[in-house]
Each structure stands twice: as C-alpha cells, then as structure tokens.
Amino acid sequence: MFSDPLPDGHYLHLFCHILHDWGETDVRQLLYASFAALSSGGWLVDHDMHINSTKTGPLPVSEYSVLLMHSTPGKCWSVGELAAFLKEAGFVDIDCRRTAGDRTAIVARRL
C-alpha cells in the first residue's frame, strides 16, 4: 500500500483522519507520494486531531493520542512534526488552520 504511487494529475490530496493511524516511516512515505503525484501548484490537506507545536495539548487530542499509541502504530502528530515532514518532502506554504472541535487542517502547497 505505501510503496504504490498515488494517481497523478490532481490539484488536491485530502488526508482526513488517516495519518494518525501510521508510524513515522509510513507517514513520510505517504507525504512523499503525495508530493510526487500532485500537479504543480497542488495542495495537500491533512484534516485531523493534531497536537500543538509546543506539544502541550490540547488535552482531548493528547488523550486520543494515547489511545492510538495503544492500538495502532500511529499517534496524533504534532503540527511541528508534520510541518517538518512536509517541508522535507518538498512542500511549501505550510499552515495550520483550526476547523471544528479539536480538529485542525494542515495545508501545504507543491510548487
């Protein structure tokens, strides 16, 4: 699953409550695959429960992350961790936007 390329020719990849189920190696592979497949100027959006950049909360997200670490290879990734992975994959204009409840959307653009 993680070694297959993603379909190309699209301007948006939406990961919604996906990355938190996977460990660092798999998350990086998905982000690299997204970068490789997106058209120039395309966007990646990761909508999920993210730990803040200072890793101090929010508390419900931290609690959910503990559950994930018990039952999956993943966790709730911090905004800083995912921003670093995205930058390493080649994305720019990385931003985190609040959505609803304890969810946020990390957006990043492919040049």
PDB file of N, CA and C in Angstrom:
ATOM      1  N   MET A   1       0.817  -1.191   0.000  1.00  0.00           N
ATOM      2  CA  MET A   1       0.000   0.000   0.000  1.00  0.00           C
ATOM      3  C   MET A   1       0.864   1.260   0.000  1.00  0.00           C
ATOM      4  N   PHE A   2       1.871   1.315   0.806  1.00  0.00           N
ATOM      5  CA  PHE A   2       2.665   2.529   0.941  1.00  0.00           C
ATOM      6  C   PHE A   2       3.708   2.681  -0.154  1.00  0.00           C
ATOM      7  N   SER A   3       3.993   1.626  -0.888  1.00  0.00           N
ATOM      8  CA  SER A   3       5.000   1.718  -1.942  1.00  0.00           C
ATOM      9  C   SER A   3       4.387   2.046  -3.303  1.00  0.00           C
ATOM     10  N   ASP A   4       3.067   1.960  -3.438  1.00  0.00           N
ATOM     11  CA  ASP A   4       2.410   2.278  -4.705  1.00  0.00           C
ATOM     12  C   ASP A   4       2.312   3.791  -4.879  1.00  0.00           C
ATOM     13  N   PRO A   5       2.516   4.275  -6.108  1.00  0.00           N
ATOM     14  CA  PRO A   5       2.355   5.716  -6.342  1.00  0.00           C
ATOM     15  C   PRO A   5       0.877   6.105  -6.271  1.00  0.00           C
ATOM     16  N   LEU A   6       0.627   7.350  -5.935  1.00  0.00           N
ATOM     17  CA  LEU A   6      -0.735   7.877  -5.954  1.00  0.00           C
ATOM     18  C   LEU A   6      -1.053   8.338  -7.374  1.00  0.00           C
ATOM     19  N   PRO A   7      -2.320   8.356  -7.752  1.00  0.00           N
ATOM     20  CA  PRO A   7      -2.684   8.832  -9.093  1.00  0.00           C
ATOM     21  C   PRO A   7      -2.216  10.275  -9.284  1.00  0.00           C
ATOM     22  N   ASP A   8      -1.682  10.572 -10.456  1.00  0.00           N
ATOM     23  CA  ASP A   8      -1.188  11.931 -10.694  1.00  0.00           C
ATOM     24  C   ASP A   8      -2.217  12.765 -11.441  1.00  0.00           C
ATOM     25  N   GLY A   9      -1.890  14.049 -11.635  1.00  0.00           N
ATOM     26  CA  GLY A   9      -2.760  14.945 -12.382  1.00  0.00           C
ATOM     27  C   GLY A   9      -3.845  15.623 -11.566  1.00  0.00           C
ATOM     28  N   HIS A  10      -3.739  15.588 -10.248  1.00  0.00           N
ATOM     29  CA  HIS A  10      -4.742  16.215  -9.383  1.00  0.00           C
ATOM     30  C   HIS A  10      -4.134  17.415  -8.664  1.00  0.00           C
ATOM     31  N   TYR A  11      -5.001  18.311  -8.203  1.00  0.00           N
ATOM     32  CA  TYR A  11      -4.548  19.524  -7.524  1.00  0.00           C
ATOM     33  C   TYR A  11      -4.827  19.509  -6.029  1.00  0.00           C
ATOM     34  N   LEU A  12      -5.379  18.427  -5.514  1.00  0.00           N
ATOM     35  CA  LEU A  12      -5.651  18.346  -4.081  1.00  0.00           C
ATOM     36  C   LEU A  12      -5.607  16.895  -3.624  1.00  0.00           C
ATOM     37  N   HIS A  13      -4.890  16.683  -2.550  1.00  0.00           N
ATOM     38  CA  HIS A  13      -4.953  15.407  -1.834  1.00  0.00           C
ATOM     39  C   HIS A  13      -5.452  15.721  -0.431  1.00  0.00           C
ATOM     40  N   LEU A  14      -6.522  15.060  -0.029  1.00  0.00           N
ATOM     41  CA  LEU A  14      -7.088  15.242   1.299  1.00  0.00           C
ATOM     42  C   LEU A  14      -6.861  13.973   2.106  1.00  0.00           C
ATOM     43  N   PHE A  15      -6.117  14.120   3.193  1.00  0.00           N
ATOM     44  CA  PHE A  15      -5.961  13.049   4.168  1.00  0.00           C
ATOM     45  C   PHE A  15      -6.829  13.456   5.361  1.00  0.00           C
ATOM     46  N   CYS A  16      -7.884  12.712   5.631  1.00  0.00           N
ATOM     47  CA  CYS A  16      -8.788  13.049   6.727  1.00  0.00           C
ATOM     48  C   CYS A  16      -8.803  11.896   7.721  1.00  0.00           C
ATOM     49  N   HIS A  17      -8.223  12.136   8.880  1.00  0.00           N
ATOM     50  CA  HIS A  17      -8.126  11.136   9.936  1.00  0.00           C
ATOM     51  C   HIS A  17      -7.447   9.858   9.420  1.00  0.00           C
ATOM     52  N   ILE A  18      -6.374  10.027   8.691  1.00  0.00           N
ATOM     53  CA  ILE A  18      -5.624   8.912   8.114  1.00  0.00           C
ATOM     54  C   ILE A  18      -4.236   8.798   8.748  1.00  0.00           C
ATOM     55  N   LEU A  19      -3.497   9.893   8.753  1.00  0.00           N
ATOM     56  CA  LEU A  19      -2.083   9.828   9.153  1.00  0.00           C
ATOM     57  C   LEU A  19      -1.904   9.396  10.604  1.00  0.00           C
ATOM     58  N   HIS A  20      -2.892   9.666  11.450  1.00  0.00           N
ATOM     59  CA  HIS A  20      -2.730   9.313  12.871  1.00  0.00           C
ATOM     60  C   HIS A  20      -2.673   7.797  13.104  1.00  0.00           C
ATOM     61  N   ASP A  21      -3.040   7.006  12.112  1.00  0.00           N
ATOM     62  CA  ASP A  21      -3.016   5.549  12.277  1.00  0.00           C
ATOM     63  C   ASP A  21      -1.657   4.926  11.964  1.00  0.00           C
ATOM     64  N   TRP A  22      -0.701   5.729  11.486  1.00  0.00           N
ATOM     65  CA  TRP A  22       0.541   5.170  10.959  1.00  0.00           C
ATOM     66  C   TRP A  22       1.762   5.755  11.635  1.00  0.00           C
ATOM     67  N   GLY A  23       2.824   4.961  11.646  1.00  0.00           N
ATOM     68  CA  GLY A  23       4.101   5.387  12.208  1.00  0.00           C
ATOM     69  C   GLY A  23       4.826   6.344  11.277  1.00  0.00           C
ATOM     70  N   GLU A  24       5.930   6.855  11.755  1.00  0.00           N
ATOM     71  CA  GLU A  24       6.663   7.900  11.048  1.00  0.00           C
ATOM     72  C   GLU A  24       7.089   7.496   9.631  1.00  0.00           C
ATOM     73  N   THR A  25       7.612   6.305   9.463  1.00  0.00           N
ATOM     74  CA  THR A  25       8.072   5.868   8.139  1.00  0.00           C
ATOM     75  C   THR A  25       6.925   5.861   7.138  1.00  0.00           C
ATOM     76  N   ASP A  26       5.785   5.323   7.526  1.00  0.00           N
ATOM     77  CA  ASP A  26       4.633   5.264   6.626  1.00  0.00           C
ATOM     78  C   ASP A  26       4.069   6.650   6.330  1.00  0.00           C
ATOM     79  N   VAL A  27       4.013   7.510   7.349  1.00  0.00           N
ATOM     80  CA  VAL A  27       3.518   8.874   7.136  1.00  0.00           C
ATOM     81  C   VAL A  27       4.416   9.607   6.149  1.00  0.00           C
ATOM     82  N   ARG A  28       5.714   9.492   6.343  1.00  0.00           N
ATOM     83  CA  ARG A  28       6.651  10.145   5.408  1.00  0.00           C
ATOM     84  C   ARG A  28       6.462   9.614   3.987  1.00  0.00           C
ATOM     85  N   GLN A  29       6.284   8.305   3.851  1.00  0.00           N
ATOM     86  CA  GLN A  29       6.081   7.721   2.516  1.00  0.00           C
ATOM     87  C   GLN A  29       4.819   8.274   1.864  1.00  0.00           C
ATOM     88  N   LEU A  30       3.743   8.404   2.622  1.00  0.00           N
ATOM     89  CA  LEU A  30       2.505   8.960   2.070  1.00  0.00           C
ATOM     90  C   LEU A  30       2.689  10.410   1.634  1.00  0.00           C
ATOM     91  N   LEU A  31       3.402  11.194   2.422  1.00  0.00           N
ATOM     92  CA  LEU A  31       3.618  12.599   2.071  1.00  0.00           C
ATOM     93  C   LEU A  31       4.513  12.734   0.843  1.00  0.00           C
ATOM     94  N   TYR A  32       5.554  11.923   0.763  1.00  0.00           N
ATOM     95  CA  TYR A  32       6.407  11.924  -0.428  1.00  0.00           C
ATOM     96  C   TYR A  32       5.617  11.489  -1.662  1.00  0.00           C
ATOM     97  N   ALA A  33       4.769  10.479  -1.522  1.00  0.00           N
ATOM     98  CA  ALA A  33       3.959  10.013  -2.645  1.00  0.00           C
ATOM     99  C   ALA A  33       2.983  11.103  -3.087  1.00  0.00           C
ATOM    100  N   SER A  34       2.428  11.829  -2.146  1.00  0.00           N
ATOM    101  CA  SER A  34       1.526  12.921  -2.471  1.00  0.00           C
ATOM    102  C   SER A  34       2.263  14.004  -3.241  1.00  0.00           C
ATOM    103  N   PHE A  35       3.431  14.378  -2.763  1.00  0.00           N
ATOM    104  CA  PHE A  35       4.212  15.406  -3.449  1.00  0.00           C
ATOM    105  C   PHE A  35       4.536  14.981  -4.882  1.00  0.00           C
ATOM    106  N   ALA A  36       4.933  13.744  -5.043  1.00  0.00           N
ATOM    107  CA  ALA A  36       5.306  13.251  -6.369  1.00  0.00           C
ATOM    108  C   ALA A  36       4.106  13.241  -7.329  1.00  0.00           C
ATOM    109  N   ALA A  37       2.924  13.013  -6.817  1.00  0.00           N
ATOM    110  CA  ALA A  37       1.746  12.857  -7.673  1.00  0.00           C
ATOM    111  C   ALA A  37       0.999  14.162  -7.937  1.00  0.00           C
ATOM    112  N   LEU A  38       1.093  15.121  -7.021  1.00  0.00           N
ATOM    113  CA  LEU A  38       0.344  16.358  -7.193  1.00  0.00           C
ATOM    114  C   LEU A  38       0.868  17.168  -8.372  1.00  0.00           C
ATOM    115  N   SER A  39      -0.050  17.851  -9.051  1.00  0.00           N
ATOM    116  CA  SER A  39       0.339  18.779 -10.104  1.00  0.00           C
ATOM    117  C   SER A  39       1.005  20.002  -9.470  1.00  0.00           C
ATOM    118  N   SER A  40       1.818  20.695 -10.240  1.00  0.00           N
ATOM    119  CA  SER A  40       2.456  21.917  -9.763  1.00  0.00           C
ATOM    120  C   SER A  40       1.381  22.890  -9.289  1.00  0.00           C
ATOM    121  N   GLY A  41       1.566  23.447  -8.102  1.00  0.00           N
ATOM    122  CA  GLY A  41       0.577  24.339  -7.507  1.00  0.00           C
ATOM    123  C   GLY A  41      -0.492  23.616  -6.721  1.00  0.00           C
ATOM    124  N   GLY A  42      -0.430  22.285  -6.689  1.00  0.00           N
ATOM    125  CA  GLY A  42      -1.420  21.493  -5.972  1.00  0.00           C
ATOM    126  C   GLY A  42      -1.262  21.586  -4.458  1.00  0.00           C
ATOM    127  N   TRP A  43      -2.303  21.192  -3.769  1.00  0.00           N
ATOM    128  CA  TRP A  43      -2.352  21.298  -2.310  1.00  0.00           C
ATOM    129  C   TRP A  43      -2.552  19.942  -1.650  1.00  0.00           C
ATOM    130  N   LEU A  44      -1.956  19.796  -0.489  1.00  0.00           N
ATOM    131  CA  LEU A  44      -2.213  18.675   0.403  1.00  0.00           C
ATOM    132  C   LEU A  44      -2.905  19.249   1.629  1.00  0.00           C
ATOM    133  N   VAL A  45      -3.961  18.586   2.081  1.00  0.00           N
ATOM    134  CA  VAL A  45      -4.658  18.970   3.310  1.00  0.00           C
ATOM    135  C   VAL A  45      -4.710  17.746   4.212  1.00  0.00           C
ATOM    136  N   ASP A  46      -4.226  17.903   5.435  1.00  0.00           N
ATOM    137  CA  ASP A  46      -4.345  16.846   6.441  1.00  0.00           C
ATOM    138  C   ASP A  46      -5.306  17.336   7.518  1.00  0.00           C
ATOM    139  N   HIS A  47      -6.537  16.840   7.499  1.00  0.00           N
ATOM    140  CA  HIS A  47      -7.546  17.210   8.493  1.00  0.00           C
ATOM    141  C   HIS A  47      -7.586  16.117   9.551  1.00  0.00           C
ATOM    142  N   ASP A  48      -7.290  16.511  10.778  1.00  0.00           N
ATOM    143  CA  ASP A  48      -7.159  15.512  11.837  1.00  0.00           C
ATOM    144  C   ASP A  48      -7.139  16.209  13.184  1.00  0.00           C
ATOM    145  N   MET A  49      -6.875  15.421  14.220  1.00  0.00           N
ATOM    146  CA  MET A  49      -6.617  15.952  15.557  1.00  0.00           C
ATOM    147  C   MET A  49      -5.098  16.043  15.696  1.00  0.00           C
ATOM    148  N   HIS A  50      -4.562  17.263  15.788  1.00  0.00           N
ATOM    149  CA  HIS A  50      -3.119  17.473  15.863  1.00  0.00           C
ATOM    150  C   HIS A  50      -2.739  18.043  17.225  1.00  0.00           C
ATOM    151  N   ILE A  51      -1.630  17.585  17.727  1.00  0.00           N
ATOM    152  CA  ILE A  51      -1.034  18.180  18.930  1.00  0.00           C
ATOM    153  C   ILE A  51      -0.459  19.537  18.515  1.00  0.00           C
ATOM    154  N   ASN A  52      -0.515  20.530  19.383  1.00  0.00           N
ATOM    155  CA  ASN A  52       0.007  21.841  19.010  1.00  0.00           C
ATOM    156  C   ASN A  52       1.534  21.820  18.866  1.00  0.00           C
ATOM    157  N   SER A  53       2.084  22.896  18.344  1.00  0.00           N
ATOM    158  CA  SER A  53       3.517  22.957  18.037  1.00  0.00           C
ATOM    159  C   SER A  53       4.404  22.799  19.266  1.00  0.00           C
ATOM    160  N   THR A  54       3.917  23.238  20.427  1.00  0.00           N
ATOM    161  CA  THR A  54       4.718  23.125  21.649  1.00  0.00           C
ATOM    162  C   THR A  54       4.490  21.805  22.384  1.00  0.00           C
ATOM    163  N   LYS A  55       3.638  20.960  21.813  1.00  0.00           N
ATOM    164  CA  LYS A  55       3.299  19.652  22.392  1.00  0.00           C
ATOM    165  C   LYS A  55       2.754  19.765  23.814  1.00  0.00           C
ATOM    166  N   THR A  56       1.910  20.784  24.038  1.00  0.00           N
ATOM    167  CA  THR A  56       1.297  20.981  25.351  1.00  0.00           C
ATOM    168  C   THR A  56      -0.208  20.744  25.332  1.00  0.00           C
ATOM    169  N   GLY A  57      -0.731  20.262  24.238  1.00  0.00           N
ATOM    170  CA  GLY A  57      -2.165  19.992  24.175  1.00  0.00           C
ATOM    171  C   GLY A  57      -2.669  20.165  22.763  1.00  0.00           C
ATOM    172  N   PRO A  58      -3.947  20.245  22.645  1.00  0.00           N
ATOM    173  CA  PRO A  58      -4.998  20.259  23.652  1.00  0.00           C
ATOM    174  C   PRO A  58      -5.181  18.892  24.319  1.00  0.00           C
ATOM    175  N   LEU A  59      -5.691  18.931  25.531  1.00  0.00           N
ATOM    176  CA  LEU A  59      -5.820  17.724  26.342  1.00  0.00           C
ATOM    177  C   LEU A  59      -6.621  16.617  25.651  1.00  0.00           C
ATOM    178  N   PRO A  60      -7.795  16.889  25.059  1.00  0.00           N
ATOM    179  CA  PRO A  60      -8.525  15.790  24.408  1.00  0.00           C
ATOM    180  C   PRO A  60      -7.730  15.133  23.272  1.00  0.00           C
ATOM    181  N   VAL A  61      -6.942  15.912  22.569  1.00  0.00           N
ATOM    182  CA  VAL A  61      -6.127  15.353  21.492  1.00  0.00           C
ATOM    183  C   VAL A  61      -5.018  14.492  22.082  1.00  0.00           C
ATOM    184  N   SER A  62      -4.430  14.952  23.158  1.00  0.00           N
ATOM    185  CA  SER A  62      -3.386  14.170  23.830  1.00  0.00           C
ATOM    186  C   SER A  62      -3.936  12.845  24.352  1.00  0.00           C
ATOM    187  N   GLU A  63      -5.125  12.893  24.920  1.00  0.00           N
ATOM    188  CA  GLU A  63      -5.751  11.661  25.416  1.00  0.00           C
ATOM    189  C   GLU A  63      -6.038  10.694  24.269  1.00  0.00           C
ATOM    190  N   TYR A  64      -6.529  11.219  23.162  1.00  0.00           N
ATOM    191  CA  TYR A  64      -6.805  10.376  21.997  1.00  0.00           C
ATOM    192  C   TYR A  64      -5.499   9.780  21.457  1.00  0.00           C
ATOM    193  N   SER A  65      -4.439  10.552  21.501  1.00  0.00           N
ATOM    194  CA  SER A  65      -3.141  10.064  21.033  1.00  0.00           C
ATOM    195  C   SER A  65      -2.673   8.862  21.841  1.00  0.00           C
ATOM    196  N   VAL A  66      -2.915   8.877  23.143  1.00  0.00           N
ATOM    197  CA  VAL A  66      -2.546   7.738  23.995  1.00  0.00           C
ATOM    198  C   VAL A  66      -3.312   6.492  23.548  1.00  0.00           C
ATOM    199  N   LEU A  67      -4.592   6.651  23.264  1.00  0.00           N
ATOM    200  CA  LEU A  67      -5.394   5.526  22.773  1.00  0.00           C
ATOM    201  C   LEU A  67      -4.821   5.002  21.451  1.00  0.00           C
ATOM    202  N   LEU A  68      -4.489   5.898  20.535  1.00  0.00           N
ATOM    203  CA  LEU A  68      -3.930   5.490  19.245  1.00  0.00           C
ATOM    204  C   LEU A  68      -2.619   4.731  19.414  1.00  0.00           C
ATOM    205  N   MET A  69      -1.755   5.225  20.303  1.00  0.00           N
ATOM    206  CA  MET A  69      -0.460   4.569  20.512  1.00  0.00           C
ATOM    207  C   MET A  69      -0.625   3.183  21.111  1.00  0.00           C
ATOM    208  N   HIS A  70      -1.732   2.951  21.799  1.00  0.00           N
ATOM    209  CA  HIS A  70      -2.005   1.644  22.378  1.00  0.00           C
ATOM    210  C   HIS A  70      -2.522   0.664  21.328  1.00  0.00           C
ATOM    211  N   SER A  71      -3.259   1.171  20.314  1.00  0.00           N
ATOM    212  CA  SER A  71      -3.951   0.270  19.399  1.00  0.00           C
ATOM    213  C   SER A  71      -3.508   0.351  17.935  1.00  0.00           C
ATOM    214  N   THR A  72      -2.628   1.289  17.593  1.00  0.00           N
ATOM    215  CA  THR A  72      -2.140   1.430  16.216  1.00  0.00           C
ATOM    216  C   THR A  72      -0.639   1.739  16.256  1.00  0.00           C
ATOM    217  N   PRO A  73       0.020   1.730  15.104  1.00  0.00           N
ATOM    218  CA  PRO A  73       1.421   2.174  15.072  1.00  0.00           C
ATOM    219  C   PRO A  73       1.543   3.697  15.128  1.00  0.00           C
ATOM    220  N   GLY A  74       0.409   4.412  15.097  1.00  0.00           N
ATOM    221  CA  GLY A  74       0.437   5.865  14.996  1.00  0.00           C
ATOM    222  C   GLY A  74       0.208   6.595  16.300  1.00  0.00           C
ATOM    223  N   LYS A  75      -0.108   7.875  16.137  1.00  0.00           N
ATOM    224  CA  LYS A  75      -0.369   8.790  17.247  1.00  0.00           C
ATOM    225  C   LYS A  75      -0.956  10.058  16.646  1.00  0.00           C
ATOM    226  N   CYS A  76      -1.369  10.996  17.475  1.00  0.00           N
ATOM    227  CA  CYS A  76      -1.745  12.311  16.976  1.00  0.00           C
ATOM    228  C   CYS A  76      -0.452  13.085  16.757  1.00  0.00           C
ATOM    229  N   TRP A  77      -0.142  13.350  15.523  1.00  0.00           N
ATOM    230  CA  TRP A  77       1.099  14.040  15.179  1.00  0.00           C
ATOM    231  C   TRP A  77       1.001  15.509  15.555  1.00  0.00           C
ATOM    232  N   SER A  78       2.112  16.071  15.972  1.00  0.00           N
ATOM    233  CA  SER A  78       2.112  17.496  16.288  1.00  0.00           C
ATOM    234  C   SER A  78       2.219  18.301  14.996  1.00  0.00           C
ATOM    235  N   VAL A  79       1.764  19.526  15.080  1.00  0.00           N
ATOM    236  CA  VAL A  79       1.853  20.445  13.947  1.00  0.00           C
ATOM    237  C   VAL A  79       3.316  20.592  13.519  1.00  0.00           C
ATOM    238  N   GLY A  80       4.222  20.679  14.471  1.00  0.00           N
ATOM    239  CA  GLY A  80       5.643  20.815  14.160  1.00  0.00           C
ATOM    240  C   GLY A  80       6.228  19.594  13.479  1.00  0.00           C
ATOM    241  N   GLU A  81       5.843  18.411  13.941  1.00  0.00           N
ATOM    242  CA  GLU A  81       6.342  17.184  13.319  1.00  0.00           C
ATOM    243  C   GLU A  81       5.888  17.090  11.866  1.00  0.00           C
ATOM    244  N   LEU A  82       4.586  17.300  11.637  1.00  0.00           N
ATOM    245  CA  LEU A  82       4.078  17.192  10.272  1.00  0.00           C
ATOM    246  C   LEU A  82       4.624  18.291   9.375  1.00  0.00           C
ATOM    247  N   ALA A  83       4.797  19.488   9.912  1.00  0.00           N
ATOM    248  CA  ALA A  83       5.390  20.571   9.111  1.00  0.00           C
ATOM    249  C   ALA A  83       6.804  20.194   8.673  1.00  0.00           C
ATOM    250  N   ALA A  84       7.568  19.585   9.564  1.00  0.00           N
ATOM    251  CA  ALA A  84       8.928  19.156   9.211  1.00  0.00           C
ATOM    252  C   ALA A  84       8.901  18.071   8.140  1.00  0.00           C
ATOM    253  N   PHE A  85       7.998  17.104   8.278  1.00  0.00           N
ATOM    254  CA  PHE A  85       7.874  16.035   7.269  1.00  0.00           C
ATOM    255  C   PHE A  85       7.479  16.622   5.908  1.00  0.00           C
ATOM    256  N   LEU A  86       6.527  17.550   5.920  1.00  0.00           N
ATOM    257  CA  LEU A  86       6.058  18.162   4.677  1.00  0.00           C
ATOM    258  C   LEU A  86       7.163  18.966   4.005  1.00  0.00           C
ATOM    259  N   LYS A  87       7.877  19.722   4.797  1.00  0.00           N
ATOM    260  CA  LYS A  87       8.989  20.515   4.251  1.00  0.00           C
ATOM    261  C   LYS A  87      10.044  19.598   3.648  1.00  0.00           C
ATOM    262  N   GLU A  88      10.367  18.531   4.353  1.00  0.00           N
ATOM    263  CA  GLU A  88      11.347  17.563   3.864  1.00  0.00           C
ATOM    264  C   GLU A  88      10.899  16.934   2.542  1.00  0.00           C
ATOM    265  N   ALA A  89       9.592  16.724   2.386  1.00  0.00           N
ATOM    266  CA  ALA A  89       9.057  16.140   1.156  1.00  0.00           C
ATOM    267  C   ALA A  89       9.054  17.141   0.004  1.00  0.00           C
ATOM    268  N   GLY A  90       9.196  18.429   0.309  1.00  0.00           N
ATOM    269  CA  GLY A  90       9.255  19.450  -0.729  1.00  0.00           C
ATOM    270  C   GLY A  90       8.122  20.455  -0.713  1.00  0.00           C
ATOM    271  N   PHE A  91       7.180  20.317   0.209  1.00  0.00           N
ATOM    272  CA  PHE A  91       6.046  21.234   0.267  1.00  0.00           C
ATOM    273  C   PHE A  91       6.455  22.600   0.822  1.00  0.00           C
ATOM    274  N   VAL A  92       5.697  23.616   0.441  1.00  0.00           N
ATOM    275  CA  VAL A  92       5.913  24.987   0.921  1.00  0.00           C
ATOM    276  C   VAL A  92       4.575  25.537   1.416  1.00  0.00           C
ATOM    277  N   ASP A  93       4.599  26.762   1.918  1.00  0.00           N
ATOM    278  CA  ASP A  93       3.390  27.448   2.387  1.00  0.00           C
ATOM    279  C   ASP A  93       2.598  26.581   3.361  1.00  0.00           C
ATOM    280  N   ILE A  94       3.302  25.969   4.302  1.00  0.00           N
ATOM    281  CA  ILE A  94       2.680  25.067   5.275  1.00  0.00           C
ATOM    282  C   ILE A  94       2.001  25.909   6.355  1.00  0.00           C
ATOM    283  N   ASP A  95       0.743  25.606   6.622  1.00  0.00           N
ATOM    284  CA  ASP A  95      -0.033  26.381   7.584  1.00  0.00           C
ATOM    285  C   ASP A  95      -0.988  25.446   8.320  1.00  0.00           C
ATOM    286  N   CYS A  96      -1.308  25.805   9.542  1.00  0.00           N
ATOM    287  CA  CYS A  96      -2.269  25.037  10.337  1.00  0.00           C
ATOM    288  C   CYS A  96      -3.476  25.927  10.605  1.00  0.00           C
ATOM    289  N   ARG A  97      -4.660  25.389  10.307  1.00  0.00           N
ATOM    290  CA  ARG A  97      -5.905  26.148  10.461  1.00  0.00           C
ATOM    291  C   ARG A  97      -6.881  25.362  11.320  1.00  0.00           C
ATOM    292  N   ARG A  98      -7.473  26.044  12.285  1.00  0.00           N
ATOM    293  CA  ARG A  98      -8.481  25.407  13.137  1.00  0.00           C
ATOM    294  C   ARG A  98      -9.733  25.137  12.311  1.00  0.00           C
ATOM    295  N   THR A  99     -10.373  24.023  12.586  1.00  0.00           N
ATOM    296  CA  THR A  99     -11.632  23.718  11.907  1.00  0.00           C
ATOM    297  C   THR A  99     -12.728  23.628  12.963  1.00  0.00           C
ATOM    298  N   ALA A 100     -13.175  22.445  13.334  1.00  0.00           N
ATOM    299  CA  ALA A 100     -14.257  22.280  14.304  1.00  0.00           C
ATOM    300  C   ALA A 100     -13.787  21.406  15.458  1.00  0.00           C
ATOM    301  N   GLY A 101     -14.322  21.684  16.627  1.00  0.00           N
ATOM    302  CA  GLY A 101     -13.942  20.886  17.785  1.00  0.00           C
ATOM    303  C   GLY A 101     -12.441  20.980  18.027  1.00  0.00           C
ATOM    304  N   ASP A 102     -11.821  19.847  18.232  1.00  0.00           N
ATOM    305  CA  ASP A 102     -10.371  19.809  18.448  1.00  0.00           C
ATOM    306  C   ASP A 102      -9.620  19.455  17.172  1.00  0.00           C
ATOM    307  N   ARG A 103     -10.246  19.688  16.029  1.00  0.00           N
ATOM    308  CA  ARG A 103      -9.609  19.345  14.756  1.00  0.00           C
ATOM    309  C   ARG A 103      -8.927  20.559  14.142  1.00  0.00           C
ATOM    310  N   THR A 104      -7.906  20.266  13.366  1.00  0.00           N
ATOM    311  CA  THR A 104      -7.206  21.293  12.602  1.00  0.00           C
ATOM    312  C   THR A 104      -6.925  20.738  11.212  1.00  0.00           C
ATOM    313  N   ALA A 105      -6.633  21.639  10.308  1.00  0.00           N
ATOM    314  CA  ALA A 105      -6.235  21.255   8.954  1.00  0.00           C
ATOM    315  C   ALA A 105      -4.854  21.826   8.705  1.00  0.00           C
ATOM    316  N   ILE A 106      -3.922  20.959   8.403  1.00  0.00           N
ATOM    317  CA  ILE A 106      -2.599  21.397   7.990  1.00  0.00           C
ATOM    318  C   ILE A 106      -2.622  21.408   6.475  1.00  0.00           C
ATOM    319  N   VAL A 107      -2.326  22.550   5.902  1.00  0.00           N
ATOM    320  CA  VAL A 107      -2.332  22.696   4.447  1.00  0.00           C
ATOM    321  C   VAL A 107      -0.912  22.977   3.983  1.00  0.00           C
ATOM    322  N   ALA A 108      -0.579  22.462   2.805  1.00  0.00           N
ATOM    323  CA  ALA A 108       0.764  22.655   2.248  1.00  0.00           C
ATOM    324  C   ALA A 108       0.636  22.631   0.724  1.00  0.00           C
ATOM    325  N   ARG A 109       1.506  23.381   0.059  1.00  0.00           N
ATOM    326  CA  ARG A 109       1.433  23.516  -1.395  1.00  0.00           C
ATOM    327  C   ARG A 109       2.676  22.937  -2.056  1.00  0.00           C
ATOM    328  N   ARG A 110       2.474  22.360  -3.216  1.00  0.00           N
ATOM    329  CA  ARG A 110       3.580  21.881  -4.044  1.00  0.00           C
ATOM    330  C   ARG A 110       3.864  22.941  -5.085  1.00  0.00           C
ATOM    331  N   LEU A 111       5.104  23.387  -5.167  1.00  0.00           N
ATOM    332  CA  LEU A 111       5.469  24.364  -6.205  1.00  0.00           C
ATOM    333  C   LEU A 111       5.426  23.731  -7.581  1.00  0.00           C
TER     334      LEU A 111
END
